């Protein structure tokens, strides 16, 4: 699989709300190259893409685990911790959690990140 680039924006909560309302009113049409995912600060982005979470993404990308149990064995992290982390990564579209045969299989959706800081 090739690299999948995710464009991330850093935008204050207030500006994000203004942007969302402008889009809903038809006053702003997002450009094709605009970020689809926004964080309120570099700190919040740093929490989601921490070194530990980057390592987890690499493990998933390289090992293609079929379940959280398999990922637990590979990563050494406990299932409740993995579930929380993967849910957060999934909420941002970084990981997809595929439910099949009563199990959850994590799949990395983004392997490269571009950050756009909007002041």
C-alpha atoms as a PDB file:
ATOM      1  CA  UNK A   1       0.000   0.000   0.000  1.00  0.00           C
ATOM      2  CA  UNK A   2       1.226   3.499  -0.806  1.00  0.00           C
ATOM      3  CA  UNK A   3       1.269   6.466   1.478  1.00  0.00           C
ATOM      4  CA  UNK A   4      -2.011   8.061   2.372  1.00  0.00           C
ATOM      5  CA  UNK A   5      -1.724  11.743   3.199  1.00  0.00           C
ATOM      6  CA  UNK A   6      -4.046  13.392   5.705  1.00  0.00           C
ATOM      7  CA  UNK A   7      -4.150  17.173   5.791  1.00  0.00           C
ATOM      8  CA  UNK A   8      -4.756  18.485   9.304  1.00  0.00           C
ATOM      9  CA  UNK A   9      -5.753  22.022  10.250  1.00  0.00           C
ATOM     10  CA  UNK A  10      -5.087  23.811  13.528  1.00  0.00           C
ATOM     11  CA  UNK A  11      -7.929  26.223  14.200  1.00  0.00           C
ATOM     12  CA  UNK A  12      -9.390  27.693  17.396  1.00  0.00           C
ATOM     13  CA  UNK A  13     -12.742  26.292  18.502  1.00  0.00           C
ATOM     14  CA  UNK A  14     -14.367  29.686  17.863  1.00  0.00           C
ATOM     15  CA  UNK A  15     -12.960  29.943  14.328  1.00  0.00           C
ATOM     16  CA  UNK A  16     -13.886  26.314  13.629  1.00  0.00           C
ATOM     17  CA  UNK A  17     -17.496  27.039  14.665  1.00  0.00           C
ATOM     18  CA  UNK A  18     -17.564  30.157  12.460  1.00  0.00           C
ATOM     19  CA  UNK A  19     -16.200  28.104   9.559  1.00  0.00           C
ATOM     20  CA  UNK A  20     -18.804  25.369  10.062  1.00  0.00           C
ATOM     21  CA  UNK A  21     -21.657  27.898  10.163  1.00  0.00           C
ATOM     22  CA  UNK A  22     -20.327  29.653   7.034  1.00  0.00           C
ATOM     23  CA  UNK A  23     -20.245  26.302   5.214  1.00  0.00           C
ATOM     24  CA  UNK A  24     -23.800  25.480   6.360  1.00  0.00           C
ATOM     25  CA  UNK A  25     -25.031  28.885   5.153  1.00  0.00           C
ATOM     26  CA  UNK A  26     -23.282  28.421   1.819  1.00  0.00           C
ATOM     27  CA  UNK A  27     -21.000  31.403   2.496  1.00  0.00           C
ATOM     28  CA  UNK A  28     -17.864  29.270   2.374  1.00  0.00           C
ATOM     29  CA  UNK A  29     -17.184  26.425   0.002  1.00  0.00           C
ATOM     30  CA  UNK A  30     -14.195  24.391   1.274  1.00  0.00           C
ATOM     31  CA  UNK A  31     -11.372  24.107  -1.230  1.00  0.00           C
ATOM     32  CA  UNK A  32     -10.442  20.632  -2.321  1.00  0.00           C
ATOM     33  CA  UNK A  33      -7.040  20.941  -0.668  1.00  0.00           C
ATOM     34  CA  UNK A  34      -8.365  22.240   2.672  1.00  0.00           C
ATOM     35  CA  UNK A  35      -7.898  20.038   5.725  1.00  0.00           C
ATOM     36  CA  UNK A  36     -10.794  17.710   6.491  1.00  0.00           C
ATOM     37  CA  UNK A  37      -9.690  17.234  10.095  1.00  0.00           C
ATOM     38  CA  UNK A  38      -9.085  20.043  12.573  1.00  0.00           C
ATOM     39  CA  UNK A  39      -7.466  20.238  15.997  1.00  0.00           C
ATOM     40  CA  UNK A  40      -7.839  23.151  18.384  1.00  0.00           C
ATOM     41  CA  UNK A  41      -4.109  23.358  19.109  1.00  0.00           C
ATOM     42  CA  UNK A  42      -0.750  21.820  18.355  1.00  0.00           C
ATOM     43  CA  UNK A  43      -0.905  20.350  21.877  1.00  0.00           C
ATOM     44  CA  UNK A  44      -4.147  18.480  21.150  1.00  0.00           C
ATOM     45  CA  UNK A  45      -2.677  17.215  17.869  1.00  0.00           C
ATOM     46  CA  UNK A  46       0.446  16.167  19.783  1.00  0.00           C
ATOM     47  CA  UNK A  47      -1.641  14.127  22.213  1.00  0.00           C
ATOM     48  CA  UNK A  48      -3.367  12.215  19.423  1.00  0.00           C
ATOM     49  CA  UNK A  49      -0.190  11.705  17.388  1.00  0.00           C
ATOM     50  CA  UNK A  50       2.087  11.109  20.370  1.00  0.00           C
ATOM     51  CA  UNK A  51       5.215   9.014  19.922  1.00  0.00           C
ATOM     52  CA  UNK A  52       3.453   6.037  21.516  1.00  0.00           C
ATOM     53  CA  UNK A  53       0.502   6.377  19.123  1.00  0.00           C
ATOM     54  CA  UNK A  54       2.817   6.776  16.130  1.00  0.00           C
ATOM     55  CA  UNK A  55       4.486   3.493  17.113  1.00  0.00           C
ATOM     56  CA  UNK A  56       1.052   1.859  17.389  1.00  0.00           C
ATOM     57  CA  UNK A  57       0.161   3.094  13.878  1.00  0.00           C
ATOM     58  CA  UNK A  58       3.433   1.626  12.542  1.00  0.00           C
ATOM     59  CA  UNK A  59       2.696  -1.726  14.210  1.00  0.00           C
ATOM     60  CA  UNK A  60      -0.772  -1.836  12.662  1.00  0.00           C
ATOM     61  CA  UNK A  61       0.523  -0.770   9.226  1.00  0.00           C
ATOM     62  CA  UNK A  62       3.390  -3.269   9.226  1.00  0.00           C
ATOM     63  CA  UNK A  63       1.711  -6.266  10.915  1.00  0.00           C
ATOM     64  CA  UNK A  64      -1.928  -6.014   9.744  1.00  0.00           C
ATOM     65  CA  UNK A  65      -3.369  -7.514  12.969  1.00  0.00           C
ATOM     66  CA  UNK A  66      -6.700  -9.310  12.531  1.00  0.00           C
ATOM     67  CA  UNK A  67      -8.001  -8.350  15.964  1.00  0.00           C
ATOM     68  CA  UNK A  68      -7.413  -6.246  19.058  1.00  0.00           C
ATOM     69  CA  UNK A  69      -6.185  -9.393  20.818  1.00  0.00           C
ATOM     70  CA  UNK A  70      -3.481  -9.828  18.187  1.00  0.00           C
ATOM     71  CA  UNK A  71      -2.584  -6.134  18.429  1.00  0.00           C
ATOM     72  CA  UNK A  72      -2.428  -6.486  22.221  1.00  0.00           C
ATOM     73  CA  UNK A  73       0.154  -9.268  21.834  1.00  0.00           C
ATOM     74  CA  UNK A  74       2.202  -7.360  19.241  1.00  0.00           C
ATOM     75  CA  UNK A  75       2.152  -4.009  21.054  1.00  0.00           C
ATOM     76  CA  UNK A  76       2.314  -5.114  24.685  1.00  0.00           C
ATOM     77  CA  UNK A  77      -0.518  -2.672  25.439  1.00  0.00           C
ATOM     78  CA  UNK A  78      -3.658  -3.838  27.258  1.00  0.00           C
ATOM     79  CA  UNK A  79      -6.921  -4.104  25.332  1.00  0.00           C
ATOM     80  CA  UNK A  80      -8.803  -1.335  27.248  1.00  0.00           C
ATOM     81  CA  UNK A  81      -5.926   1.077  26.556  1.00  0.00           C
ATOM     82  CA  UNK A  82      -5.815   0.021  22.890  1.00  0.00           C
ATOM     83  CA  UNK A  83      -9.587   0.383  22.540  1.00  0.00           C
ATOM     84  CA  UNK A  84      -9.538   3.950  23.903  1.00  0.00           C
ATOM     85  CA  UNK A  85      -6.595   4.975  21.735  1.00  0.00           C
ATOM     86  CA  UNK A  86      -8.001   3.366  18.585  1.00  0.00           C
ATOM     87  CA  UNK A  87     -11.416   4.967  19.147  1.00  0.00           C
ATOM     88  CA  UNK A  88      -9.745   8.393  19.345  1.00  0.00           C
ATOM     89  CA  UNK A  89      -7.658   7.711  16.217  1.00  0.00           C
ATOM     90  CA  UNK A  90     -10.797   6.462  14.480  1.00  0.00           C
ATOM     91  CA  UNK A  91     -12.748   9.619  15.408  1.00  0.00           C
ATOM     92  CA  UNK A  92     -10.140  11.631  13.515  1.00  0.00           C
ATOM     93  CA  UNK A  93     -10.161   9.261  10.517  1.00  0.00           C
ATOM     94  CA  UNK A  94      -6.581   8.119  11.115  1.00  0.00           C
ATOM     95  CA  UNK A  95      -7.612   4.501  11.759  1.00  0.00           C
ATOM     96  CA  UNK A  96     -10.627   2.540  10.585  1.00  0.00           C
ATOM     97  CA  UNK A  97     -12.057  -0.074  12.939  1.00  0.00           C
ATOM     98  CA  UNK A  98     -13.565  -2.866  10.861  1.00  0.00           C
ATOM     99  CA  UNK A  99     -15.969  -5.118  12.718  1.00  0.00           C
ATOM    100  CA  UNK A 100     -16.097  -8.651  11.356  1.00  0.00           C
ATOM    101  CA  UNK A 101     -16.694 -12.114  12.806  1.00  0.00           C
ATOM    102  CA  UNK A 102     -17.269 -10.633  16.256  1.00  0.00           C
ATOM    103  CA  UNK A 103     -13.836  -8.991  16.265  1.00  0.00           C
ATOM    104  CA  UNK A 104     -12.458  -5.540  15.542  1.00  0.00           C
ATOM    105  CA  UNK A 105      -9.670  -5.226  12.997  1.00  0.00           C
ATOM    106  CA  UNK A 106      -7.772  -1.900  12.968  1.00  0.00           C
ATOM    107  CA  UNK A 107      -6.615  -0.515   9.616  1.00  0.00           C
ATOM    108  CA  UNK A 108      -4.408   2.568   9.249  1.00  0.00           C
ATOM    109  CA  UNK A 109      -6.025   5.128   6.923  1.00  0.00           C
ATOM    110  CA  UNK A 110      -3.304   7.819   7.015  1.00  0.00           C
ATOM    111  CA  UNK A 111       0.436   7.269   6.921  1.00  0.00           C
ATOM    112  CA  UNK A 112       1.600  10.823   6.313  1.00  0.00           C
ATOM    113  CA  UNK A 113       0.352  14.048   7.886  1.00  0.00           C
ATOM    114  CA  UNK A 114       0.498  17.639   6.629  1.00  0.00           C
ATOM    115  CA  UNK A 115      -0.363  20.309   9.188  1.00  0.00           C
ATOM    116  CA  UNK A 116      -1.817  23.700   8.235  1.00  0.00           C
ATOM    117  CA  UNK A 117      -1.705  26.246  11.042  1.00  0.00           C
ATOM    118  CA  UNK A 118      -4.289  29.021  10.664  1.00  0.00           C
ATOM    119  CA  UNK A 119      -3.729  32.073  12.889  1.00  0.00           C
END
